[in-house]
C-alpha atoms as a PDB file:
ATOM      1  CA  MET A   1      28.260 215.313  38.448  1.00  0.00           C
ATOM      2  CA  GLU A   2      27.095 218.649  37.108  1.00  0.00           C
ATOM      3  CA  ARG A   3      24.226 220.299  38.830  1.00  0.00           C
ATOM      4  CA  ALA A   4      21.226 221.801  36.956  1.00  0.00           C
ATOM      5  CA  ALA A   5      18.410 224.011  38.253  1.00  0.00           C
ATOM      6  CA  VAL A   6      15.167 224.486  36.428  1.00  0.00           C
ATOM      7  CA  ILE A   7      13.011 227.423  37.423  1.00  0.00           C
ATOM      8  CA  GLY A   8       9.327 226.908  36.876  1.00  0.00           C
ATOM      9  CA  GLY A   9       7.328 223.788  37.588  1.00  0.00           C
ATOM     10  CA  GLY A  10       4.795 223.909  34.808  1.00  0.00           C
ATOM     11  CA  VAL A  11       4.593 220.995  32.410  1.00  0.00           C
ATOM     12  CA  VAL A  12       7.517 222.310  30.266  1.00  0.00           C
ATOM     13  CA  GLY A  13       9.813 222.914  33.248  1.00  0.00           C
ATOM     14  CA  CYS A  14       8.982 219.442  34.629  1.00  0.00           C
ATOM     15  CA  HIS A  15       9.883 217.767  31.339  1.00  0.00           C
ATOM     16  CA  VAL A  16      13.121 219.705  31.116  1.00  0.00           C
ATOM     17  CA  ALA A  17      14.041 218.617  34.714  1.00  0.00           C
ATOM     18  CA  TYR A  18      13.061 215.054  33.958  1.00  0.00           C
ATOM     19  CA  ALA A  19      15.183 214.999  30.825  1.00  0.00           C
ATOM     20  CA  LEU A  20      18.134 216.583  32.569  1.00  0.00           C
ATOM     21  CA  ALA A  21      18.011 214.105  35.399  1.00  0.00           C
ATOM     22  CA  ARG A  22      17.912 211.177  32.983  1.00  0.00           C
ATOM     23  CA  LYS A  23      20.846 212.783  31.125  1.00  0.00           C
ATOM     24  CA  GLY A  24      22.908 212.421  34.314  1.00  0.00           C
ATOM     25  CA  TYR A  25      22.595 215.898  35.874  1.00  0.00           C
ATOM     26  CA  GLU A  26      21.914 216.403  39.581  1.00  0.00           C
ATOM     27  CA  THR A  27      18.739 218.187  38.900  1.00  0.00           C
ATOM     28  CA  TYR A  28      16.672 220.650  41.109  1.00  0.00           C
ATOM     29  CA  LEU A  29      13.277 222.082  40.085  1.00  0.00           C
ATOM     30  CA  PHE A  30      12.191 225.364  41.729  1.00  0.00           C
ATOM     31  CA  GLU A  31       8.439 226.210  41.780  1.00  0.00           C
ATOM     32  CA  ARG A  32       6.942 229.382  43.330  1.00  0.00           C
ATOM     33  CA  HIS A  33       3.652 227.574  44.245  1.00  0.00           C
ATOM     34  CA  GLU A  34       3.229 224.766  46.665  1.00  0.00           C
ATOM     35  CA  ARG A  35       2.127 222.438  43.876  1.00  0.00           C
ATOM     36  CA  LEU A  36       3.376 221.941  40.332  1.00  0.00           C
ATOM     37  CA  GLY A  37       1.496 223.144  37.228  1.00  0.00           C
ATOM     38  CA  GLN A  38      -0.799 225.657  38.985  1.00  0.00           C
ATOM     39  CA  GLU A  39      -0.684 228.319  36.266  1.00  0.00           C
ATOM     40  CA  THR A  40      -0.692 227.935  32.438  1.00  0.00           C
ATOM     41  CA  SER A  41      -0.301 224.125  32.621  1.00  0.00           C
ATOM     42  CA  SER A  42      -3.635 223.517  34.392  1.00  0.00           C
ATOM     43  CA  ARG A  43      -5.587 226.465  33.020  1.00  0.00           C
ATOM     44  CA  ASN A  44      -6.123 225.467  29.431  1.00  0.00           C
ATOM     45  CA  SER A  45      -8.268 223.199  27.176  1.00  0.00           C
ATOM     46  CA  GLY A  46      -6.272 220.059  27.957  1.00  0.00           C
ATOM     47  CA  VAL A  47      -5.856 219.339  24.220  1.00  0.00           C
ATOM     48  CA  LEU A  48      -2.935 217.457  22.693  1.00  0.00           C
ATOM     49  CA  HIS A  49      -2.576 219.328  19.495  1.00  0.00           C
ATOM     50  CA  ALA A  50      -1.602 217.895  16.075  1.00  0.00           C
ATOM     51  CA  GLY A  51       0.537 220.814  14.653  1.00  0.00           C
ATOM     52  CA  ILE A  52      -1.910 222.209  12.194  1.00  0.00           C
ATOM     53  CA  TYR A  53      -1.899 225.910  12.769  1.00  0.00           C
ATOM     54  CA  TYR A  54       1.757 226.950  12.899  1.00  0.00           C
ATOM     55  CA  LYS A  55       4.179 228.362  10.399  1.00  0.00           C
ATOM     56  CA  LYS A  56       6.265 225.909   8.361  1.00  0.00           C
ATOM     57  CA  TYR A  57       9.758 225.318   9.929  1.00  0.00           C
ATOM     58  CA  SER A  58       8.792 227.140  13.099  1.00  0.00           C
ATOM     59  CA  LEU A  59       9.634 225.726  16.513  1.00  0.00           C
ATOM     60  CA  LYS A  60       5.905 225.574  17.329  1.00  0.00           C
ATOM     61  CA  ALA A  61       5.242 223.412  14.255  1.00  0.00           C
ATOM     62  CA  GLY A  62       8.170 221.078  14.605  1.00  0.00           C
ATOM     63  CA  LEU A  63       8.003 220.677  18.404  1.00  0.00           C
ATOM     64  CA  CYS A  64       4.249 220.296  18.326  1.00  0.00           C
ATOM     65  CA  VAL A  65       4.367 217.339  15.885  1.00  0.00           C
ATOM     66  CA  GLU A  66       7.289 215.768  17.742  1.00  0.00           C
ATOM     67  CA  GLY A  67       5.728 216.455  21.148  1.00  0.00           C
ATOM     68  CA  ASN A  68       2.451 214.889  20.083  1.00  0.00           C
ATOM     69  CA  ALA A  69       4.224 211.585  19.655  1.00  0.00           C
ATOM     70  CA  LEU A  70       6.459 211.942  22.698  1.00  0.00           C
ATOM     71  CA  SER A  71       3.597 212.905  24.914  1.00  0.00           C
ATOM     72  CA  ARG A  72       1.766 209.781  23.996  1.00  0.00           C
ATOM     73  CA  GLU A  73       4.752 207.730  24.944  1.00  0.00           C
ATOM     74  CA  PHE A  74       4.930 209.490  28.282  1.00  0.00           C
ATOM     75  CA  PHE A  75       1.213 209.068  28.943  1.00  0.00           C
ATOM     76  CA  ARG A  76       1.378 205.380  28.256  1.00  0.00           C
ATOM     77  CA  ASP A  77       4.558 204.797  30.278  1.00  0.00           C
ATOM     78  CA  HIS A  78       3.240 206.683  33.346  1.00  0.00           C
ATOM     79  CA  ASP A  79      -0.507 205.841  33.060  1.00  0.00           C
ATOM     80  CA  VAL A  80      -1.636 209.410  32.396  1.00  0.00           C
ATOM     81  CA  ALA A  81      -5.328 209.765  31.718  1.00  0.00           C
ATOM     82  CA  PHE A  82      -5.755 210.725  28.051  1.00  0.00           C
ATOM     83  CA  ARG A  83      -8.281 209.981  25.374  1.00  0.00           C
ATOM     84  CA  GLU A  84      -7.927 209.642  21.587  1.00  0.00           C
ATOM     85  CA  THR A  85     -10.732 211.923  20.459  1.00  0.00           C
ATOM     86  CA  GLY A  86      -9.670 213.455  17.077  1.00  0.00           C
ATOM     87  CA  LYS A  87     -10.887 216.983  16.305  1.00  0.00           C
ATOM     88  CA  TYR A  88     -13.150 218.710  13.885  1.00  0.00           C
ATOM     89  CA  ILE A  89     -12.196 222.246  12.571  1.00  0.00           C
ATOM     90  CA  ILE A  90     -15.429 223.543  11.053  1.00  0.00           C
ATOM     91  CA  ALA A  91     -16.277 226.191   8.491  1.00  0.00           C
ATOM     92  CA  ARG A  92     -19.532 227.838   9.719  1.00  0.00           C
ATOM     93  CA  THR A  93     -20.014 229.927   6.618  1.00  0.00           C
ATOM     94  CA  ASP A  94     -18.971 229.753   2.953  1.00  0.00           C
ATOM     95  CA  SER A  95     -16.462 232.470   3.727  1.00  0.00           C
ATOM     96  CA  GLU A  96     -14.587 230.296   6.152  1.00  0.00           C
ATOM     97  CA  ILE A  97     -14.049 227.505   3.639  1.00  0.00           C
ATOM     98  CA  THR A  98     -10.954 229.267   2.311  1.00  0.00           C
ATOM     99  CA  GLU A  99      -9.496 229.294   5.757  1.00  0.00           C
ATOM    100  CA  ILE A 100     -10.261 225.574   6.174  1.00  0.00           C
ATOM    101  CA  GLU A 101      -8.364 224.896   2.919  1.00  0.00           C
ATOM    102  CA  ARG A 102      -5.439 227.051   4.151  1.00  0.00           C
ATOM    103  CA  LEU A 103      -5.273 225.016   7.313  1.00  0.00           C
ATOM    104  CA  ARG A 104      -5.255 221.814   5.312  1.00  0.00           C
ATOM    105  CA  GLU A 105      -2.168 223.050   3.404  1.00  0.00           C
ATOM    106  CA  SER A 106      -0.492 224.184   6.613  1.00  0.00           C
ATOM    107  CA  ALA A 107      -1.061 220.777   8.184  1.00  0.00           C
ATOM    108  CA  GLY A 108       0.421 219.021   5.160  1.00  0.00           C
ATOM    109  CA  GLU A 109       3.562 221.243   5.314  1.00  0.00           C
ATOM    110  CA  ASN A 110       4.028 220.498   9.002  1.00  0.00           C
ATOM    111  CA  GLY A 111       3.486 216.759   8.755  1.00  0.00           C
ATOM    112  CA  ALA A 112       0.180 216.766  10.735  1.00  0.00           C
ATOM    113  CA  PRO A 113      -2.353 214.361   9.289  1.00  0.00           C
ATOM    114  CA  VAL A 114      -5.766 215.809   8.457  1.00  0.00           C
ATOM    115  CA  GLU A 115      -8.605 214.794   6.151  1.00  0.00           C
ATOM    116  CA  PRO A 116     -11.685 216.566   4.838  1.00  0.00           C
ATOM    117  CA  ALA A 117     -14.944 215.795   6.544  1.00  0.00           C
ATOM    118  CA  THR A 118     -18.474 216.383   5.249  1.00  0.00           C
ATOM    119  CA  PRO A 119     -21.130 218.128   7.342  1.00  0.00           C
ATOM    120  CA  SER A 120     -23.057 214.864   7.482  1.00  0.00           C
ATOM    121  CA  ARG A 121     -19.987 213.058   8.959  1.00  0.00           C
ATOM    122  CA  VAL A 122     -19.695 215.758  11.635  1.00  0.00           C
ATOM    123  CA  LYS A 123     -23.430 215.389  12.424  1.00  0.00           C
ATOM    124  CA  ARG A 124     -22.959 211.685  12.878  1.00  0.00           C
ATOM    125  CA  ASP A 125     -20.579 212.362  15.797  1.00  0.00           C
ATOM    126  CA  LEU A 126     -22.197 215.660  16.974  1.00  0.00           C
ATOM    127  CA  PRO A 127     -25.815 215.976  15.752  1.00  0.00           C
ATOM    128  CA  TYR A 128     -26.194 219.542  16.939  1.00  0.00           C
ATOM    129  CA  ILE A 129     -23.204 221.019  14.981  1.00  0.00           C
ATOM    130  CA  GLU A 130     -23.974 223.176  12.003  1.00  0.00           C
ATOM    131  CA  CYS A 131     -21.223 223.631   9.403  1.00  0.00           C
ATOM    132  CA  VAL A 132     -20.705 223.845   5.608  1.00  0.00           C
ATOM    133  CA  ALA A 133     -17.354 222.056   5.546  1.00  0.00           C
ATOM    134  CA  ALA A 134     -14.847 220.628   8.004  1.00  0.00           C
ATOM    135  CA  LEU A 135     -11.422 219.052   8.596  1.00  0.00           C
ATOM    136  CA  TYR A 136     -10.794 216.141  10.823  1.00  0.00           C
ATOM    137  CA  SER A 137      -7.541 215.799  12.784  1.00  0.00           C
ATOM    138  CA  PRO A 138      -7.045 212.121  13.790  1.00  0.00           C
ATOM    139  CA  SER A 139      -3.983 212.838  15.980  1.00  0.00           C
ATOM    140  CA  THR A 140      -5.646 215.312  18.382  1.00  0.00           C
ATOM    141  CA  ALA A 141      -6.382 213.985  21.836  1.00  0.00           C
ATOM    142  CA  ILE A 142      -7.380 215.252  25.253  1.00  0.00           C
ATOM    143  CA  VAL A 143      -5.404 214.838  28.486  1.00  0.00           C
ATOM    144  CA  ASP A 144      -6.514 215.166  32.116  1.00  0.00           C
ATOM    145  CA  ALA A 145      -4.144 218.036  33.095  1.00  0.00           C
ATOM    146  CA  ALA A 146      -4.424 217.442  36.851  1.00  0.00           C
ATOM    147  CA  ASP A 147      -3.630 213.743  36.474  1.00  0.00           C
ATOM    148  CA  TYR A 148      -0.835 214.712  34.100  1.00  0.00           C
ATOM    149  CA  MET A 149       0.855 216.820  36.709  1.00  0.00           C
ATOM    150  CA  ASP A 150       0.364 214.249  39.486  1.00  0.00           C
ATOM    151  CA  ARG A 151       1.991 211.598  37.353  1.00  0.00           C
ATOM    152  CA  MET A 152       4.725 214.034  36.274  1.00  0.00           C
ATOM    153  CA  LYS A 153       5.527 214.656  39.892  1.00  0.00           C
ATOM    154  CA  ALA A 154       6.011 210.936  40.568  1.00  0.00           C
ATOM    155  CA  ALA A 155       8.148 210.557  37.477  1.00  0.00           C
ATOM    156  CA  LEU A 156      10.365 213.476  38.664  1.00  0.00           C
ATOM    157  CA  TYR A 157      10.898 211.779  42.052  1.00  0.00           C
ATOM    158  CA  GLN A 158      11.674 208.451  40.348  1.00  0.00           C
ATOM    159  CA  ALA A 159      14.187 210.141  38.126  1.00  0.00           C
ATOM    160  CA  GLY A 160      15.912 211.695  41.210  1.00  0.00           C
ATOM    161  CA  VAL A 161      14.812 215.328  40.640  1.00  0.00           C
ATOM    162  CA  SER A 162      14.691 217.383  43.838  1.00  0.00           C
ATOM    163  CA  VAL A 163      11.534 219.600  43.804  1.00  0.00           C
ATOM    164  CA  ILE A 164      11.956 222.812  45.857  1.00  0.00           C
ATOM    165  CA  ALA A 165       8.483 224.265  46.440  1.00  0.00           C
ATOM    166  CA  PRO A 166       7.276 226.796  47.315  1.00  0.00           C
ATOM    167  CA  CYS A 167      10.345 228.780  46.406  1.00  0.00           C
ATOM    168  CA  ASN A 168      10.468 232.036  44.505  1.00  0.00           C
ATOM    169  CA  VAL A 169      13.680 232.607  42.391  1.00  0.00           C
ATOM    170  CA  ARG A 170      14.743 236.271  42.450  1.00  0.00           C
ATOM    171  CA  GLY A 171      17.590 236.097  40.027  1.00  0.00           C
ATOM    172  CA  ILE A 172      20.634 234.281  38.724  1.00  0.00           C
ATOM    173  CA  ARG A 173      24.063 235.859  39.187  1.00  0.00           C
ATOM    174  CA  GLY A 174      26.899 233.810  37.766  1.00  0.00           C
ATOM    175  CA  ASN A 175      26.583 230.241  39.225  1.00  0.00           C
ATOM    176  CA  VAL A 176      24.307 231.476  41.977  1.00  0.00           C
ATOM    177  CA  CYS A 177      20.477 231.228  42.022  1.00  0.00           C
ATOM    178  CA  VAL A 178      19.088 233.793  44.506  1.00  0.00           C
ATOM    179  CA  THR A 179      15.799 232.650  46.006  1.00  0.00           C
ATOM    180  CA  ASP A 180      13.588 233.658  48.900  1.00  0.00           C
ATOM    181  CA  ARG A 181      14.892 230.564  50.736  1.00  0.00           C
ATOM    182  CA  GLY A 182      18.553 231.327  50.228  1.00  0.00           C
ATOM    183  CA  GLU A 183      21.240 230.961  47.562  1.00  0.00           C
ATOM    184  CA  PHE A 184      21.754 227.920  45.413  1.00  0.00           C
ATOM    185  CA  LEU A 185      24.823 226.967  43.378  1.00  0.00           C
ATOM    186  CA  ALA A 186      24.482 225.213  40.021  1.00  0.00           C
ATOM    187  CA  ASP A 187      26.384 224.734  36.699  1.00  0.00           C
ATOM    188  CA  LEU A 188      23.379 225.081  34.377  1.00  0.00           C
ATOM    189  CA  PHE A 189      20.068 227.038  34.792  1.00  0.00           C
ATOM    190  CA  VAL A 190      16.907 226.730  32.643  1.00  0.00           C
ATOM    191  CA  ASN A 191      14.449 229.551  32.885  1.00  0.00           C
ATOM    192  CA  SER A 192      11.045 228.014  32.339  1.00  0.00           C
ATOM    193  CA  ALA A 193       9.120 230.565  34.524  1.00  0.00           C
ATOM    194  CA  GLY A 194       6.224 230.975  32.143  1.00  0.00           C
ATOM    195  CA  LEU A 195       4.449 234.225  32.686  1.00  0.00           C
ATOM    196  CA  TYR A 196       7.402 235.494  34.746  1.00  0.00           C
ATOM    197  CA  ALA A 197      10.231 234.214  32.395  1.00  0.00           C
ATOM    198  CA  ASP A 198      10.816 237.667  31.037  1.00  0.00           C
ATOM    199  CA  GLU A 199      11.556 239.122  34.563  1.00  0.00           C
ATOM    200  CA  LEU A 200      14.152 236.382  35.150  1.00  0.00           C
ATOM    201  CA  ALA A 201      15.645 236.890  31.719  1.00  0.00           C
ATOM    202  CA  ALA A 202      16.136 240.597  32.402  1.00  0.00           C
ATOM    203  CA  GLU A 203      17.860 239.747  35.656  1.00  0.00           C
ATOM    204  CA  CYS A 204      20.310 237.744  33.498  1.00  0.00           C
ATOM    205  CA  GLY A 205      20.954 240.534  31.135  1.00  0.00           C
ATOM    206  CA  LEU A 206      18.601 239.385  28.319  1.00  0.00           C
ATOM    207  CA  HIS A 207      16.725 242.656  27.727  1.00  0.00           C
ATOM    208  CA  GLY A 208      13.859 243.639  25.356  1.00  0.00           C
ATOM    209  CA  TYR A 209      11.560 240.701  25.964  1.00  0.00           C
ATOM    210  CA  VAL A 210       8.255 241.261  27.707  1.00  0.00           C
ATOM    211  CA  VAL A 211       5.677 238.659  28.580  1.00  0.00           C
ATOM    212  CA  ARG A 212       2.155 239.975  28.438  1.00  0.00           C
ATOM    213  CA  PRO A 213      -0.710 237.777  29.573  1.00  0.00           C
ATOM    214  CA  LEU A 214      -3.503 237.095  27.139  1.00  0.00           C
ATOM    215  CA  LYS A 215      -6.344 236.171  29.349  1.00  0.00           C
ATOM    216  CA  GLY A 216      -8.853 233.487  28.455  1.00  0.00           C
ATOM    217  CA  ASP A 217     -12.003 232.581  30.356  1.00  0.00           C
ATOM    218  CA  TYR A 218     -13.824 229.237  30.193  1.00  0.00           C
ATOM    219  CA  TYR A 219     -17.403 228.349  30.704  1.00  0.00           C
ATOM    220  CA  SER A 220     -18.889 224.828  30.930  1.00  0.00           C
ATOM    221  CA  THR A 221     -22.075 222.956  30.266  1.00  0.00           C
ATOM    222  CA  VAL A 222     -23.613 219.546  30.922  1.00  0.00           C
ATOM    223  CA  SER A 223     -26.552 220.177  28.625  1.00  0.00           C
ATOM    224  CA  ILE A 224     -24.907 218.443  25.655  1.00  0.00           C
ATOM    225  CA  GLU A 225     -22.676 215.543  25.047  1.00  0.00           C
ATOM    226  CA  CYS A 226     -19.395 216.068  23.185  1.00  0.00           C
ATOM    227  CA  ARG A 227     -16.982 213.273  22.350  1.00  0.00           C
ATOM    228  CA  VAL A 228     -14.862 215.192  19.770  1.00  0.00           C
ATOM    229  CA  PRO A 229     -13.457 218.713  20.188  1.00  0.00           C
ATOM    230  CA  VAL A 230     -14.903 221.173  17.705  1.00  0.00           C
ATOM    231  CA  TYR A 231     -12.953 224.277  16.727  1.00  0.00           C
ATOM    232  CA  PRO A 232     -13.855 227.216  14.485  1.00  0.00           C
ATOM    233  CA  PRO A 233     -11.080 228.601  12.266  1.00  0.00           C
ATOM    234  CA  PRO A 234      -8.476 230.445  14.315  1.00  0.00           C
ATOM    235  CA  SER A 235      -8.898 234.154  15.080  1.00  0.00           C
ATOM    236  CA  VAL A 236      -7.046 236.236  12.486  1.00  0.00           C
ATOM    237  CA  HIS A 237      -6.977 239.161  14.928  1.00  0.00           C
ATOM    238  CA  THR A 238      -5.247 237.647  17.938  1.00  0.00           C
ATOM    239  CA  GLY A 239      -3.736 234.423  16.481  1.00  0.00           C
ATOM    240  CA  THR A 240      -5.623 232.306  19.000  1.00  0.00           C
ATOM    241  CA  LEU A 241      -7.621 229.197  18.234  1.00  0.00           C
ATOM    242  CA  GLY A 242     -11.016 230.794  19.047  1.00  0.00           C
ATOM    243  CA  VAL A 243     -13.765 229.682  21.384  1.00  0.00           C
ATOM    244  CA  HIS A 244     -14.185 225.971  20.969  1.00  0.00           C
ATOM    245  CA  LEU A 245     -16.004 222.915  22.415  1.00  0.00           C
ATOM    246  CA  THR A 246     -13.868 220.380  24.273  1.00  0.00           C
ATOM    247  CA  PRO A 247     -14.871 217.266  26.122  1.00  0.00           C
ATOM    248  CA  THR A 248     -13.561 216.591  29.566  1.00  0.00           C
ATOM    249  CA  PHE A 249     -13.135 213.394  31.577  1.00  0.00           C
ATOM    250  CA  GLY A 250     -16.415 214.106  33.405  1.00  0.00           C
ATOM    251  CA  ARG A 251     -19.866 215.143  32.202  1.00  0.00           C
ATOM    252  CA  GLU A 252     -18.827 218.756  31.548  1.00  0.00           C
ATOM    253  CA  VAL A 253     -18.108 220.157  28.158  1.00  0.00           C
ATOM    254  CA  LEU A 254     -15.761 223.140  28.092  1.00  0.00           C
ATOM    255  CA  LEU A 255     -16.430 226.228  26.065  1.00  0.00           C
ATOM    256  CA  GLY A 256     -13.560 228.689  25.583  1.00  0.00           C
ATOM    257  CA  PRO A 257     -11.218 230.310  25.944  1.00  0.00           C
ATOM    258  CA  SER A 258     -12.272 233.908  25.305  1.00  0.00           C
ATOM    259  CA  GLU A 259      -9.779 236.679  24.644  1.00  0.00           C
ATOM    260  CA  THR A 260      -9.661 239.476  27.305  1.00  0.00           C
ATOM    261  CA  HIS A 261      -7.152 242.044  28.260  1.00  0.00           C
ATOM    262  CA  THR A 262      -5.335 242.119  31.592  1.00  0.00           C
ATOM    263  CA  GLU A 263      -2.154 243.683  32.874  1.00  0.00           C
ATOM    264  CA  ALA A 264      -1.884 241.345  35.822  1.00  0.00           C
ATOM    265  CA  LYS A 265      -0.222 237.963  35.317  1.00  0.00           C
ATOM    266  CA  ASP A 266      -2.090 236.566  38.373  1.00  0.00           C
ATOM    267  CA  ASP A 267      -5.527 237.763  37.314  1.00  0.00           C
ATOM    268  CA  TYR A 268      -7.744 234.610  37.209  1.00  0.00           C
ATOM    269  CA  GLU A 269     -11.098 236.247  37.658  1.00  0.00           C
ATOM    270  CA  ILE A 270     -13.673 235.480  34.977  1.00  0.00           C
ATOM    271  CA  ARG A 271     -14.653 238.704  33.241  1.00  0.00           C
ATOM    272  CA  THR A 272     -16.128 237.513  29.890  1.00  0.00           C
ATOM    273  CA  PRO A 273     -19.831 238.076  29.802  1.00  0.00           C
ATOM    274  CA  ARG A 274     -21.900 234.892  29.495  1.00  0.00           C
ATOM    275  CA  GLU A 275     -23.589 236.342  26.403  1.00  0.00           C
ATOM    276  CA  GLU A 276     -20.243 236.202  24.489  1.00  0.00           C
ATOM    277  CA  PHE A 277     -20.004 232.498  25.047  1.00  0.00           C
ATOM    278  CA  SER A 278     -23.677 232.055  24.048  1.00  0.00           C
ATOM    279  CA  SER A 279     -23.123 233.919  20.845  1.00  0.00           C
ATOM    280  CA  SER A 280     -19.979 231.915  19.996  1.00  0.00           C
ATOM    281  CA  LEU A 281     -21.857 228.672  20.683  1.00  0.00           C
ATOM    282  CA  ALA A 282     -24.848 229.747  18.646  1.00  0.00           C
ATOM    283  CA  SER A 283     -22.656 230.221  15.635  1.00  0.00           C
ATOM    284  CA  MET A 284     -21.746 226.448  15.683  1.00  0.00           C
ATOM    285  CA  ILE A 285     -24.962 224.689  16.816  1.00  0.00           C
ATOM    286  CA  ASP A 286     -28.579 224.481  15.772  1.00  0.00           C
ATOM    287  CA  ALA A 287     -31.118 226.858  17.307  1.00  0.00           C
ATOM    288  CA  ALA A 288     -33.024 224.190  19.205  1.00  0.00           C
ATOM    289  CA  THR A 289     -29.943 222.976  21.061  1.00  0.00           C
ATOM    290  CA  ALA A 290     -28.749 226.540  21.673  1.00  0.00           C
ATOM    291  CA  ALA A 291     -32.088 227.371  23.335  1.00  0.00           C
ATOM    292  CA  ARG A 292     -31.767 224.652  25.972  1.00  0.00           C
ATOM    293  CA  ILE A 293     -28.036 224.977  26.963  1.00  0.00           C
ATOM    294  CA  GLU A 294     -27.170 226.247  30.384  1.00  0.00           C
ATOM    295  CA  LEU A 295     -23.751 227.660  30.733  1.00  0.00           C
ATOM    296  CA  ASN A 296     -21.803 227.713  33.983  1.00  0.00           C
ATOM    297  CA  GLU A 297     -18.679 229.702  34.952  1.00  0.00           C
ATOM    298  CA  GLY A 298     -15.535 227.552  34.687  1.00  0.00           C
ATOM    299  CA  TYR A 299     -12.060 228.974  35.198  1.00  0.00           C
ATOM    300  CA  SER A 300      -9.668 231.377  33.684  1.00  0.00           C
ATOM    301  CA  GLY A 301      -6.143 231.233  32.399  1.00  0.00           C
ATOM    302  CA  ASN A 302      -3.417 233.495  31.117  1.00  0.00           C
ATOM    303  CA  ARG A 303      -1.375 232.719  28.001  1.00  0.00           C
ATOM    304  CA  PRO A 304       2.299 233.908  28.293  1.00  0.00           C
ATOM    305  CA  ARG A 305       2.573 235.864  25.076  1.00  0.00           C
ATOM    306  CA  VAL A 306       6.048 237.339  24.437  1.00  0.00           C
ATOM    307  CA  TYR A 307       7.098 240.571  22.725  1.00  0.00           C
ATOM    308  CA  LEU A 308      10.520 241.790  21.668  1.00  0.00           C
ATOM    309  CA  ASN A 309      10.942 245.535  21.632  1.00  0.00           C
ATOM    310  CA  GLY A 310       7.150 245.877  21.418  1.00  0.00           C
ATOM    311  CA  GLU A 311       6.706 243.460  18.502  1.00  0.00           C
ATOM    312  CA  ARG A 312       5.018 240.105  19.112  1.00  0.00           C
ATOM    313  CA  CYS A 313       7.148 236.974  18.746  1.00  0.00           C
ATOM    314  CA  GLU A 314       5.057 234.520  16.733  1.00  0.00           C
ATOM    315  CA  ASP A 315       7.242 231.540  17.715  1.00  0.00           C
ATOM    316  CA  PHE A 316       8.636 229.990  20.862  1.00  0.00           C
ATOM    317  CA  VAL A 317      11.777 231.896  21.959  1.00  0.00           C
ATOM    318  CA  VAL A 318      14.664 229.774  23.217  1.00  0.00           C
ATOM    319  CA  VAL A 319      17.771 231.825  24.004  1.00  0.00           C
ATOM    320  CA  ARG A 320      21.065 230.891  25.753  1.00  0.00           C
ATOM    321  CA  ARG A 321      22.426 233.955  27.676  1.00  0.00           C
ATOM    322  CA  PRO A 322      24.799 233.927  29.415  1.00  0.00           C
ATOM    323  CA  SER A 323      26.366 230.595  28.522  1.00  0.00           C
ATOM    324  CA  ASN A 324      25.045 228.778  31.621  1.00  0.00           C
ATOM    325  CA  VAL A 325      21.390 229.941  31.319  1.00  0.00           C
ATOM    326  CA  ILE A 326      18.742 228.819  28.799  1.00  0.00           C
ATOM    327  CA  HIS A 327      15.602 230.903  28.608  1.00  0.00           C
ATOM    328  CA  LEU A 328      12.261 229.596  27.390  1.00  0.00           C
ATOM    329  CA  LEU A 329       9.964 232.553  26.544  1.00  0.00           C
ATOM    330  CA  GLY A 330       6.472 232.774  25.170  1.00  0.00           C
ATOM    331  CA  ILE A 331       5.652 229.109  25.707  1.00  0.00           C
ATOM    332  CA  GLU A 332       1.947 229.444  25.016  1.00  0.00           C
ATOM    333  CA  SER A 333      -0.060 226.964  22.943  1.00  0.00           C
ATOM    334  CA  PRO A 334       1.026 224.351  21.875  1.00  0.00           C
ATOM    335  CA  GLY A 335       3.343 224.254  24.947  1.00  0.00           C
ATOM    336  CA  LEU A 336       1.359 221.542  26.684  1.00  0.00           C
ATOM    337  CA  THR A 337       1.856 219.286  23.639  1.00  0.00           C
ATOM    338  CA  ALA A 338       5.392 220.345  22.863  1.00  0.00           C
ATOM    339  CA  ALA A 339       6.714 219.994  26.423  1.00  0.00           C
ATOM    340  CA  PRO A 340       8.739 216.738  25.979  1.00  0.00           C
ATOM    341  CA  ALA A 341      10.022 217.934  22.655  1.00  0.00           C
ATOM    342  CA  LEU A 342      11.090 221.281  24.139  1.00  0.00           C
ATOM    343  CA  ALA A 343      13.006 219.285  26.754  1.00  0.00           C
ATOM    344  CA  ARG A 344      14.794 217.408  23.963  1.00  0.00           C
ATOM    345  CA  TYR A 345      15.554 220.774  22.243  1.00  0.00           C
ATOM    346  CA  VAL A 346      17.066 222.108  25.441  1.00  0.00           C
ATOM    347  CA  LEU A 347      19.353 219.018  25.744  1.00  0.00           C
ATOM    348  CA  SER A 348      20.421 219.575  22.144  1.00  0.00           C
ATOM    349  CA  MET A 349      21.825 222.949  23.119  1.00  0.00           C
ATOM    350  CA  LEU A 350      24.132 221.576  25.889  1.00  0.00           C
END
């Protein structure tokens, strides 16, 4: 039996390890933290995306649509807490209607179902939302990220994956994985180290790629009810999905993420001023509701954005080099949704 080692115990690395074990590999998963999914996988909005925003024929588009369906299968098979919510993408001004139409075309090209929604329909679900036009995405859902990782851990053990944590992988040399707990022999390695995947790639001779964290802070509120996520059009400046409203599995409603600069991949301190969130929220809701909302600090996350020779890579980067190592770089949004499809993609390369 061939032996495989996956480096990185986020949701993507977990799905890759799960798929390899089910394929017949003796599989080991190395995670630098004591618990799985402690970085990008648990510091996001917890949204199962439909595949609306991404360029036609890109890995992000194809794997998001495929991953949306595969994730649902996994959730049902393993009793992961998720909720079919749908999602509204709203035009707050007439100038944003053009962007809404562009998103509708993009969704059609990618095979992601969307439908136009009138402002009155939005108000039936969310009476405080102010918009001039909207799209509705029926295949968007939310997932409890903490429950997801707990169920994922159980699935890994059931599949026979050996989880080695905490364990920091220093490099891969030939068939040897060098860790802070000793050396480990394997036939195949998958670098799914997220924010640190570029450092491991460079150790393997794959140069030019740099992962830079794009930091996002979240605030929360219990002042309103929100059953359906509400998104503005995505930011044309950073390529992110903008500050949006997302329901949770408790009373809280998330607002975020913001976009802030950091050089440190482990910087999880909230730095975005409360006023920035209040301003973003005020652009989407009526004045009376905005006046009574209390915002509380939530948490912060870092998106692993990848650059090649200084230029941003818009798509996921999946590279095999040397022949026994597959590198997954820049697995930012929609990585949570695409995770099981990314695992299939890795298997297709073997």
